[in-house]
Amino acid sequence: MLLHKNFHIPNDVVTTVPKLSDRASLPPPGYLTVSEVSLRAGLRFPPSAELIEILRRCGVCLSQLSYRAMSVIVGLIALFRDRGAVLTPEHLSRMG
């Protein structure tokens, strides 16, 4: 599937197209909603350990992040990895 290839989603992850009546805030049981803009911002599956830890510590779910927030966090994770470091919630807290 093109979506899987373009956004590096593993083949065993089932994707579905929402109906007009579906709402991102109320996904069916067992499903996770992800916006296309999050994928364009750099979100990949499975999400990085750094992203999962940041979301967990902040009490935020993946679908609550805006495009800009996702872009910044994924960019910072990539920058830290490039420098041989791991982005932590403490780093984000110190950044303001």
PDB file of N, CA and C in Angstrom:
ATOM      1  N   MET A   1       0.848  -1.177   0.000  1.00  0.00           N
ATOM      2  CA  MET A   1       0.000   0.000   0.000  1.00  0.00           C
ATOM      3  C   MET A   1       0.893   1.240   0.000  1.00  0.00           C
ATOM      4  N   LEU A   2       0.514   2.224  -0.740  1.00  0.00           N
ATOM      5  CA  LEU A   2       1.291   3.454  -0.886  1.00  0.00           C
ATOM      6  C   LEU A   2       1.483   4.176   0.446  1.00  0.00           C
ATOM      7  N   LEU A   3       0.437   4.221   1.259  1.00  0.00           N
ATOM      8  CA  LEU A   3       0.523   4.868   2.567  1.00  0.00           C
ATOM      9  C   LEU A   3       1.604   4.203   3.423  1.00  0.00           C
ATOM     10  N   HIS A   4       1.618   2.889   3.422  1.00  0.00           N
ATOM     11  CA  HIS A   4       2.623   2.145   4.193  1.00  0.00           C
ATOM     12  C   HIS A   4       4.028   2.458   3.684  1.00  0.00           C
ATOM     13  N   LYS A   5       4.191   2.489   2.384  1.00  0.00           N
ATOM     14  CA  LYS A   5       5.505   2.741   1.791  1.00  0.00           C
ATOM     15  C   LYS A   5       5.971   4.177   2.044  1.00  0.00           C
ATOM     16  N   ASN A   6       5.113   5.138   1.797  1.00  0.00           N
ATOM     17  CA  ASN A   6       5.501   6.546   1.930  1.00  0.00           C
ATOM     18  C   ASN A   6       5.822   6.957   3.355  1.00  0.00           C
ATOM     19  N   PHE A   7       5.126   6.356   4.330  1.00  0.00           N
ATOM     20  CA  PHE A   7       5.304   6.778   5.714  1.00  0.00           C
ATOM     21  C   PHE A   7       5.919   5.696   6.593  1.00  0.00           C
ATOM     22  N   HIS A   8       6.491   4.664   5.960  1.00  0.00           N
ATOM     23  CA  HIS A   8       7.232   3.619   6.666  1.00  0.00           C
ATOM     24  C   HIS A   8       6.388   2.929   7.733  1.00  0.00           C
ATOM     25  N   ILE A   9       5.137   2.654   7.406  1.00  0.00           N
ATOM     26  CA  ILE A   9       4.246   1.947   8.322  1.00  0.00           C
ATOM     27  C   ILE A   9       4.422   0.455   8.057  1.00  0.00           C
ATOM     28  N   PRO A  10       4.700  -0.347   9.113  1.00  0.00           N
ATOM     29  CA  PRO A  10       4.866  -1.789   8.906  1.00  0.00           C
ATOM     30  C   PRO A  10       3.638  -2.408   8.249  1.00  0.00           C
ATOM     31  N   ASN A  11       3.863  -3.437   7.439  1.00  0.00           N
ATOM     32  CA  ASN A  11       2.773  -4.071   6.702  1.00  0.00           C
ATOM     33  C   ASN A  11       1.735  -4.725   7.600  1.00  0.00           C
ATOM     34  N   ASP A  12       2.114  -5.083   8.839  1.00  0.00           N
ATOM     35  CA  ASP A  12       1.145  -5.729   9.722  1.00  0.00           C
ATOM     36  C   ASP A  12       0.232  -4.733  10.430  1.00  0.00           C
ATOM     37  N   VAL A  13       0.445  -3.428  10.225  1.00  0.00           N
ATOM     38  CA  VAL A  13      -0.439  -2.400  10.787  1.00  0.00           C
ATOM     39  C   VAL A  13      -1.586  -2.181   9.808  1.00  0.00           C
ATOM     40  N   VAL A  14      -2.806  -2.391  10.300  1.00  0.00           N
ATOM     41  CA  VAL A  14      -3.997  -2.241   9.467  1.00  0.00           C
ATOM     42  C   VAL A  14      -4.410  -0.774   9.449  1.00  0.00           C
ATOM     43  N   THR A  15      -4.578  -0.229   8.268  1.00  0.00           N
ATOM     44  CA  THR A  15      -5.040   1.152   8.129  1.00  0.00           C
ATOM     45  C   THR A  15      -6.420   1.144   7.479  1.00  0.00           C
ATOM     46  N   THR A  16      -7.240   2.092   7.895  1.00  0.00           N
ATOM     47  CA  THR A  16      -8.568   2.224   7.303  1.00  0.00           C
ATOM     48  C   THR A  16      -8.845   3.689   7.019  1.00  0.00           C
ATOM     49  N   VAL A  17      -9.688   3.922   6.050  1.00  0.00           N
ATOM     50  CA  VAL A  17     -10.115   5.284   5.715  1.00  0.00           C
ATOM     51  C   VAL A  17     -11.382   5.559   6.524  1.00  0.00           C
ATOM     52  N   PRO A  18     -11.406   6.677   7.241  1.00  0.00           N
ATOM     53  CA  PRO A  18     -12.594   6.957   8.062  1.00  0.00           C
ATOM     54  C   PRO A  18     -13.816   7.279   7.213  1.00  0.00           C
ATOM     55  N   LYS A  19     -14.969   6.981   7.798  1.00  0.00           N
ATOM     56  CA  LYS A  19     -16.240   7.368   7.165  1.00  0.00           C
ATOM     57  C   LYS A  19     -16.498   8.831   7.501  1.00  0.00           C
ATOM     58  N   LEU A  20     -17.379   9.470   6.769  1.00  0.00           N
ATOM     59  CA  LEU A  20     -17.709  10.870   7.043  1.00  0.00           C
ATOM     60  C   LEU A  20     -18.254  11.058   8.452  1.00  0.00           C
ATOM     61  N   SER A  21     -18.897  10.030   9.001  1.00  0.00           N
ATOM     62  CA  SER A  21     -19.479  10.128  10.344  1.00  0.00           C
ATOM     63  C   SER A  21     -18.458   9.870  11.453  1.00  0.00           C
ATOM     64  N   ASP A  22     -17.272   9.353  11.116  1.00  0.00           N
ATOM     65  CA  ASP A  22     -16.246   9.065  12.121  1.00  0.00           C
ATOM     66  C   ASP A  22     -15.622  10.348  12.642  1.00  0.00           C
ATOM     67  N   ARG A  23     -15.169  10.302  13.883  1.00  0.00           N
ATOM     68  CA  ARG A  23     -14.512  11.442  14.517  1.00  0.00           C
ATOM     69  C   ARG A  23     -13.180  10.980  15.099  1.00  0.00           C
ATOM     70  N   ALA A  24     -12.139  11.760  14.888  1.00  0.00           N
ATOM     71  CA  ALA A  24     -10.812  11.411  15.388  1.00  0.00           C
ATOM     72  C   ALA A  24     -10.797  11.287  16.900  1.00  0.00           C
ATOM     73  N   SER A  25     -11.624  12.045  17.567  1.00  0.00           N
ATOM     74  CA  SER A  25     -11.646  12.011  19.027  1.00  0.00           C
ATOM     75  C   SER A  25     -12.356  10.775  19.585  1.00  0.00           C
ATOM     76  N   LEU A  26     -13.042  10.030  18.735  1.00  0.00           N
ATOM     77  CA  LEU A  26     -13.753   8.821  19.158  1.00  0.00           C
ATOM     78  C   LEU A  26     -13.425   7.647  18.241  1.00  0.00           C
ATOM     79  N   PRO A  27     -12.182   7.169  18.262  1.00  0.00           N
ATOM     80  CA  PRO A  27     -11.845   6.044  17.381  1.00  0.00           C
ATOM     81  C   PRO A  27     -12.540   4.767  17.846  1.00  0.00           C
ATOM     82  N   PRO A  28     -12.804   3.840  16.929  1.00  0.00           N
ATOM     83  CA  PRO A  28     -13.405   2.559  17.334  1.00  0.00           C
ATOM     84  C   PRO A  28     -12.476   1.843  18.312  1.00  0.00           C
ATOM     85  N   PRO A  29     -13.006   0.985  19.169  1.00  0.00           N
ATOM     86  CA  PRO A  29     -12.159   0.238  20.106  1.00  0.00           C
ATOM     87  C   PRO A  29     -11.037  -0.500  19.365  1.00  0.00           C
ATOM     88  N   GLY A  30      -9.829  -0.378  19.887  1.00  0.00           N
ATOM     89  CA  GLY A  30      -8.679  -1.048  19.278  1.00  0.00           C
ATOM     90  C   GLY A  30      -8.000  -0.254  18.182  1.00  0.00           C
ATOM     91  N   TYR A  31      -8.508   0.934  17.857  1.00  0.00           N
ATOM     92  CA  TYR A  31      -7.931   1.752  16.796  1.00  0.00           C
ATOM     93  C   TYR A  31      -7.287   3.008  17.375  1.00  0.00           C
ATOM     94  N   LEU A  32      -6.369   3.561  16.639  1.00  0.00           N
ATOM     95  CA  LEU A  32      -5.694   4.805  16.988  1.00  0.00           C
ATOM     96  C   LEU A  32      -5.860   5.745  15.810  1.00  0.00           C
ATOM     97  N   THR A  33      -6.235   6.975  16.071  1.00  0.00           N
ATOM     98  CA  THR A  33      -6.368   7.930  14.976  1.00  0.00           C
ATOM     99  C   THR A  33      -5.078   8.719  14.827  1.00  0.00           C
ATOM    100  N   VAL A  34      -4.652   8.869  13.594  1.00  0.00           N
ATOM    101  CA  VAL A  34      -3.447   9.626  13.270  1.00  0.00           C
ATOM    102  C   VAL A  34      -3.771  10.484  12.060  1.00  0.00           C
ATOM    103  N   SER A  35      -3.461  11.749  12.158  1.00  0.00           N
ATOM    104  CA  SER A  35      -3.739  12.629  11.033  1.00  0.00           C
ATOM    105  C   SER A  35      -2.621  12.554   9.999  1.00  0.00           C
ATOM    106  N   GLU A  36      -2.971  12.844   8.780  1.00  0.00           N
ATOM    107  CA  GLU A  36      -1.980  12.850   7.706  1.00  0.00           C
ATOM    108  C   GLU A  36      -0.883  13.868   7.975  1.00  0.00           C
ATOM    109  N   VAL A  37      -1.250  15.002   8.572  1.00  0.00           N
ATOM    110  CA  VAL A  37      -0.243  16.024   8.835  1.00  0.00           C
ATOM    111  C   VAL A  37       0.789  15.534   9.839  1.00  0.00           C
ATOM    112  N   SER A  38       0.395  14.665  10.781  1.00  0.00           N
ATOM    113  CA  SER A  38       1.369  14.091  11.710  1.00  0.00           C
ATOM    114  C   SER A  38       2.377  13.220  10.962  1.00  0.00           C
ATOM    115  N   LEU A  39       1.886  12.471   9.990  1.00  0.00           N
ATOM    116  CA  LEU A  39       2.783  11.641   9.178  1.00  0.00           C
ATOM    117  C   LEU A  39       3.717  12.521   8.347  1.00  0.00           C
ATOM    118  N   ARG A  40       3.179  13.596   7.796  1.00  0.00           N
ATOM    119  CA  ARG A  40       4.009  14.517   7.018  1.00  0.00           C
ATOM    120  C   ARG A  40       5.022  15.242   7.898  1.00  0.00           C
ATOM    121  N   ALA A  41       4.698  15.378   9.194  1.00  0.00           N
ATOM    122  CA  ALA A  41       5.605  16.039  10.131  1.00  0.00           C
ATOM    123  C   ALA A  41       6.748  15.122  10.564  1.00  0.00           C
ATOM    124  N   GLY A  42       6.658  13.845  10.215  1.00  0.00           N
ATOM    125  CA  GLY A  42       7.754  12.941  10.533  1.00  0.00           C
ATOM    126  C   GLY A  42       7.407  11.785  11.442  1.00  0.00           C
ATOM    127  N   LEU A  43       6.149  11.644  11.860  1.00  0.00           N
ATOM    128  CA  LEU A  43       5.761  10.531  12.694  1.00  0.00           C
ATOM    129  C   LEU A  43       5.925   9.228  11.923  1.00  0.00           C
ATOM    130  N   ARG A  44       6.539   8.244  12.531  1.00  0.00           N
ATOM    131  CA  ARG A  44       6.722   6.931  11.918  1.00  0.00           C
ATOM    132  C   ARG A  44       6.272   5.868  12.896  1.00  0.00           C
ATOM    133  N   PHE A  45       5.966   4.689  12.381  1.00  0.00           N
ATOM    134  CA  PHE A  45       5.502   3.591  13.227  1.00  0.00           C
ATOM    135  C   PHE A  45       6.482   2.443  13.184  1.00  0.00           C
ATOM    136  N   PRO A  46       6.752   1.831  14.310  1.00  0.00           N
ATOM    137  CA  PRO A  46       6.261   2.249  15.618  1.00  0.00           C
ATOM    138  C   PRO A  46       6.904   3.572  16.024  1.00  0.00           C
ATOM    139  N   PRO A  47       6.197   4.377  16.840  1.00  0.00           N
ATOM    140  CA  PRO A  47       6.772   5.658  17.268  1.00  0.00           C
ATOM    141  C   PRO A  47       8.061   5.432  18.048  1.00  0.00           C
ATOM    142  N   SER A  48       8.954   6.393  17.985  1.00  0.00           N
ATOM    143  CA  SER A  48      10.229   6.263  18.690  1.00  0.00           C
ATOM    144  C   SER A  48      10.010   6.201  20.191  1.00  0.00           C
ATOM    145  N   ALA A  49      10.941   5.562  20.874  1.00  0.00           N
ATOM    146  CA  ALA A  49      10.868   5.460  22.333  1.00  0.00           C
ATOM    147  C   ALA A  49      10.851   6.846  22.968  1.00  0.00           C
ATOM    148  N   GLU A  50      11.607   7.776  22.377  1.00  0.00           N
ATOM    149  CA  GLU A  50      11.642   9.139  22.916  1.00  0.00           C
ATOM    150  C   GLU A  50      10.266   9.793  22.844  1.00  0.00           C
ATOM    151  N   LEU A  51       9.587   9.650  21.709  1.00  0.00           N
ATOM    152  CA  LEU A  51       8.269  10.249  21.536  1.00  0.00           C
ATOM    153  C   LEU A  51       7.269   9.632  22.510  1.00  0.00           C
ATOM    154  N   ILE A  52       7.286   8.320  22.653  1.00  0.00           N
ATOM    155  CA  ILE A  52       6.375   7.641  23.570  1.00  0.00           C
ATOM    156  C   ILE A  52       6.596   8.135  25.000  1.00  0.00           C
ATOM    157  N   GLU A  53       7.859   8.249  25.408  1.00  0.00           N
ATOM    158  CA  GLU A  53       8.162   8.700  26.769  1.00  0.00           C
ATOM    159  C   GLU A  53       7.715  10.149  26.988  1.00  0.00           C
ATOM    160  N   ILE A  54       7.941  11.007  26.009  1.00  0.00           N
ATOM    161  CA  ILE A  54       7.518  12.413  26.127  1.00  0.00           C
ATOM    162  C   ILE A  54       5.998  12.486  26.260  1.00  0.00           C
ATOM    163  N   LEU A  55       5.268  11.758  25.426  1.00  0.00           N
ATOM    164  CA  LEU A  55       3.806  11.765  25.493  1.00  0.00           C
ATOM    165  C   LEU A  55       3.320  11.227  26.838  1.00  0.00           C
ATOM    166  N   ARG A  56       3.935  10.133  27.291  1.00  0.00           N
ATOM    167  CA  ARG A  56       3.528   9.521  28.554  1.00  0.00           C
ATOM    168  C   ARG A  56       3.745  10.471  29.722  1.00  0.00           C
ATOM    169  N   ARG A  57       4.925  11.079  29.776  1.00  0.00           N
ATOM    170  CA  ARG A  57       5.260  11.970  30.897  1.00  0.00           C
ATOM    171  C   ARG A  57       4.427  13.250  30.882  1.00  0.00           C
ATOM    172  N   CYS A  58       4.025  13.681  29.697  1.00  0.00           N
ATOM    173  CA  CYS A  58       3.218  14.907  29.593  1.00  0.00           C
ATOM    174  C   CYS A  58       1.724  14.629  29.695  1.00  0.00           C
ATOM    175  N   GLY A  59       1.347  13.348  29.715  1.00  0.00           N
ATOM    176  CA  GLY A  59      -0.064  12.991  29.798  1.00  0.00           C
ATOM    177  C   GLY A  59      -0.845  13.377  28.560  1.00  0.00           C
ATOM    178  N   VAL A  60      -0.195  13.266  27.396  1.00  0.00           N
ATOM    179  CA  VAL A  60      -0.804  13.653  26.128  1.00  0.00           C
ATOM    180  C   VAL A  60      -0.865  12.428  25.221  1.00  0.00           C
ATOM    181  N   CYS A  61      -1.945  12.304  24.454  1.00  0.00           N
ATOM    182  CA  CYS A  61      -1.995  11.205  23.486  1.00  0.00           C
ATOM    183  C   CYS A  61      -1.546  11.715  22.117  1.00  0.00           C
ATOM    184  N   LEU A  62      -1.129  10.797  21.300  1.00  0.00           N
ATOM    185  CA  LEU A  62      -0.555  11.106  19.994  1.00  0.00           C
ATOM    186  C   LEU A  62      -1.453  11.996  19.147  1.00  0.00           C
ATOM    187  N   SER A  63      -2.744  11.733  19.159  1.00  0.00           N
ATOM    188  CA  SER A  63      -3.655  12.492  18.300  1.00  0.00           C
ATOM    189  C   SER A  63      -3.884  13.926  18.788  1.00  0.00           C
ATOM    190  N   GLN A  64      -3.397  14.269  19.978  1.00  0.00           N
ATOM    191  CA  GLN A  64      -3.564  15.623  20.484  1.00  0.00           C
ATOM    192  C   GLN A  64      -2.495  16.585  19.983  1.00  0.00           C
ATOM    193  N   LEU A  65      -1.416  16.062  19.407  1.00  0.00           N
ATOM    194  CA  LEU A  65      -0.338  16.935  18.942  1.00  0.00           C
ATOM    195  C   LEU A  65      -0.705  17.598  17.622  1.00  0.00           C
ATOM    196  N   SER A  66      -0.464  18.873  17.538  1.00  0.00           N
ATOM    197  CA  SER A  66      -0.681  19.594  16.291  1.00  0.00           C
ATOM    198  C   SER A  66       0.465  19.300  15.327  1.00  0.00           C
ATOM    199  N   TYR A  67       0.283  19.696  14.091  1.00  0.00           N
ATOM    200  CA  TYR A  67       1.341  19.521  13.084  1.00  0.00           C
ATOM    201  C   TYR A  67       2.631  20.175  13.549  1.00  0.00           C
ATOM    202  N   ARG A  68       2.532  21.392  14.040  1.00  0.00           N
ATOM    203  CA  ARG A  68       3.743  22.117  14.464  1.00  0.00           C
ATOM    204  C   ARG A  68       4.422  21.426  15.636  1.00  0.00           C
ATOM    205  N   ALA A  69       3.634  20.992  16.620  1.00  0.00           N
ATOM    206  CA  ALA A  69       4.212  20.307  17.775  1.00  0.00           C
ATOM    207  C   ALA A  69       4.899  19.015  17.337  1.00  0.00           C
ATOM    208  N   MET A  70       4.236  18.263  16.468  1.00  0.00           N
ATOM    209  CA  MET A  70       4.819  17.004  15.984  1.00  0.00           C
ATOM    210  C   MET A  70       6.105  17.293  15.212  1.00  0.00           C
ATOM    211  N   SER A  71       6.101  18.322  14.365  1.00  0.00           N
ATOM    212  CA  SER A  71       7.293  18.677  13.592  1.00  0.00           C
ATOM    213  C   SER A  71       8.464  19.033  14.511  1.00  0.00           C
ATOM    214  N   VAL A  72       8.177  19.814  15.541  1.00  0.00           N
ATOM    215  CA  VAL A  72       9.235  20.241  16.458  1.00  0.00           C
ATOM    216  C   VAL A  72       9.790  19.048  17.231  1.00  0.00           C
ATOM    217  N   ILE A  73       8.915  18.228  17.787  1.00  0.00           N
ATOM    218  CA  ILE A  73       9.373  17.095  18.590  1.00  0.00           C
ATOM    219  C   ILE A  73      10.151  16.098  17.740  1.00  0.00           C
ATOM    220  N   VAL A  74       9.610  15.736  16.583  1.00  0.00           N
ATOM    221  CA  VAL A  74      10.312  14.776  15.712  1.00  0.00           C
ATOM    222  C   VAL A  74      11.642  15.367  15.242  1.00  0.00           C
ATOM    223  N   GLY A  75      11.655  16.662  14.933  1.00  0.00           N
ATOM    224  CA  GLY A  75      12.906  17.316  14.535  1.00  0.00           C
ATOM    225  C   GLY A  75      13.933  17.319  15.647  1.00  0.00           C
ATOM    226  N   LEU A  76      13.498  17.588  16.870  1.00  0.00           N
ATOM    227  CA  LEU A  76      14.418  17.566  18.008  1.00  0.00           C
ATOM    228  C   LEU A  76      14.944  16.161  18.284  1.00  0.00           C
ATOM    229  N   ILE A  77      14.073  15.161  18.159  1.00  0.00           N
ATOM    230  CA  ILE A  77      14.524  13.776  18.332  1.00  0.00           C
ATOM    231  C   ILE A  77      15.612  13.459  17.314  1.00  0.00           C
ATOM    232  N   ALA A  78      15.386  13.849  16.054  1.00  0.00           N
ATOM    233  CA  ALA A  78      16.378  13.607  15.001  1.00  0.00           C
ATOM    234  C   ALA A  78      17.672  14.362  15.279  1.00  0.00           C
ATOM    235  N   LEU A  79      17.573  15.606  15.722  1.00  0.00           N
ATOM    236  CA  LEU A  79      18.769  16.403  16.033  1.00  0.00           C
ATOM    237  C   LEU A  79      19.565  15.769  17.170  1.00  0.00           C
ATOM    238  N   PHE A  80      18.876  15.383  18.229  1.00  0.00           N
ATOM    239  CA  PHE A  80      19.571  14.752  19.350  1.00  0.00           C
ATOM    240  C   PHE A  80      20.238  13.457  18.911  1.00  0.00           C
ATOM    241  N   ARG A  81      19.530  12.626  18.131  1.00  0.00           N
ATOM    242  CA  ARG A  81      20.116  11.364  17.654  1.00  0.00           C
ATOM    243  C   ARG A  81      21.351  11.636  16.798  1.00  0.00           C
ATOM    244  N   ASP A  82      21.269  12.653  15.959  1.00  0.00           N
ATOM    245  CA  ASP A  82      22.401  13.012  15.105  1.00  0.00           C
ATOM    246  C   ASP A  82      23.629  13.378  15.933  1.00  0.00           C
ATOM    247  N   ARG A  83      23.379  13.930  17.107  1.00  0.00           N
ATOM    248  CA  ARG A  83      24.467  14.342  17.997  1.00  0.00           C
ATOM    249  C   ARG A  83      24.835  13.260  19.004  1.00  0.00           C
ATOM    250  N   GLY A  84      24.230  12.069  18.861  1.00  0.00           N
ATOM    251  CA  GLY A  84      24.553  10.955  19.743  1.00  0.00           C
ATOM    252  C   GLY A  84      23.888  11.033  21.106  1.00  0.00           C
ATOM    253  N   ALA A  85      22.781  11.766  21.212  1.00  0.00           N
ATOM    254  CA  ALA A  85      22.088  11.923  22.489  1.00  0.00           C
ATOM    255  C   ALA A  85      20.632  11.478  22.340  1.00  0.00           C
ATOM    256  N   VAL A  86      19.956  11.373  23.474  1.00  0.00           N
ATOM    257  CA  VAL A  86      18.548  10.988  23.497  1.00  0.00           C
ATOM    258  C   VAL A  86      17.743  12.147  24.064  1.00  0.00           C
ATOM    259  N   LEU A  87      16.713  12.570  23.341  1.00  0.00           N
ATOM    260  CA  LEU A  87      15.832  13.635  23.812  1.00  0.00           C
ATOM    261  C   LEU A  87      14.945  13.083  24.922  1.00  0.00           C
ATOM    262  N   THR A  88      14.908  13.774  26.051  1.00  0.00           N
ATOM    263  CA  THR A  88      14.083  13.357  27.180  1.00  0.00           C
ATOM    264  C   THR A  88      13.093  14.466  27.522  1.00  0.00           C
ATOM    265  N   PRO A  89      12.060  14.133  28.297  1.00  0.00           N
ATOM    266  CA  PRO A  89      11.138  15.175  28.746  1.00  0.00           C
ATOM    267  C   PRO A  89      11.863  16.276  29.533  1.00  0.00           C
ATOM    268  N   GLU A  90      12.920  15.914  30.253  1.00  0.00           N
ATOM    269  CA  GLU A  90      13.687  16.906  30.999  1.00  0.00           C
ATOM    270  C   GLU A  90      14.353  17.910  30.054  1.00  0.00           C
ATOM    271  N   HIS A  91      14.877  17.438  28.922  1.00  0.00           N
ATOM    272  CA  HIS A  91      15.462  18.353  27.941  1.00  0.00           C
ATOM    273  C   HIS A  91      14.411  19.345  27.453  1.00  0.00           C
ATOM    274  N   LEU A  92      13.226  18.826  27.126  1.00  0.00           N
ATOM    275  CA  LEU A  92      12.154  19.713  26.644  1.00  0.00           C
ATOM    276  C   LEU A  92      11.759  20.718  27.721  1.00  0.00           C
ATOM    277  N   SER A  93      11.710  20.252  28.958  1.00  0.00           N
ATOM    278  CA  SER A  93      11.354  21.153  30.062  1.00  0.00           C
ATOM    279  C   SER A  93      12.370  22.289  30.200  1.00  0.00           C
ATOM    280  N   ARG A  94      13.641  21.964  30.051  1.00  0.00           N
ATOM    281  CA  ARG A  94      14.682  22.998  30.155  1.00  0.00           C
ATOM    282  C   ARG A  94      14.653  23.969  28.983  1.00  0.00           C
ATOM    283  N   MET A  95      14.120  23.519  27.836  1.00  0.00           N
ATOM    284  CA  MET A  95      14.047  24.387  26.673  1.00  0.00           C
ATOM    285  C   MET A  95      12.926  25.408  26.795  1.00  0.00           C
ATOM    286  N   GLY A  96      12.017  25.169  27.724  1.00  0.00           N
ATOM    287  CA  GLY A  96      10.963  26.148  27.959  1.00  0.00           C
ATOM    288  C   GLY A  96       9.674  25.758  27.410  1.00  0.00           C
TER     289      GLY A  96
END
